[in-house]
Amino acid sequence: MSRRQSQRQWRSEDITQMPGFLIRRCNQVAMAIFIEETAEYDLSPAQYGALGLIAAEPGLDQTRLTHRSGLDRSSVTKCVERLETRGAIRREADLDDRRARRLYPTENGLKLLGAIEASVVRAQERVLAPLGKERAEQFLSMLVEIASSNNATSRVPMRAVYEDI
């Protein structure tokens, strides 16, 4: 290491302006807004996402839910257990694979998704409000590009989502 490198003067801006730092910070803000807007439903962002994916693909198994959500296996297991306990989903044995369980939304789960929808939309709008409509659309497009281009490097790569992009 050169003398110049070892004597570098660090400033907080050096860290706080890095993409990873800012993405993590935006995630913290988005989670806080989601929880605030949806508090009456007692549903975490991960549980909401899992329930939405199960409703979109009834009969999805937990392995595929892991691939679709980008959550690790233990997080998916916790989400599924919590959703099942509150009666939002049901698990059924897979006739072709005795080890697997198929996941289905219940009527209660579908009602919950319908009830929470306006709150989720409000949360997303609040997160993007500082950008305005046009810049928000550009920002979302850029996020998709970053996530899809780097998907394979993730600890839990998403499958069958970015393959169509």
Foldseek 3Di string as FASTA:
>chain_A
DDPCVVPDDDDVCVVCVDPVNVVVVLVVLLQVLLCVLQVVLPAGPLLLLLLVVCAVPFFDWLVLSCQASVDDSVVSVVSVVVCVVVQQWDWDADPVDRVITTIHGDPVNVVSNVVCVVSNVVSVCVSCVVQPDVRSVVVVVVVLVVCLVCQVVRPRRHPPPSVVD
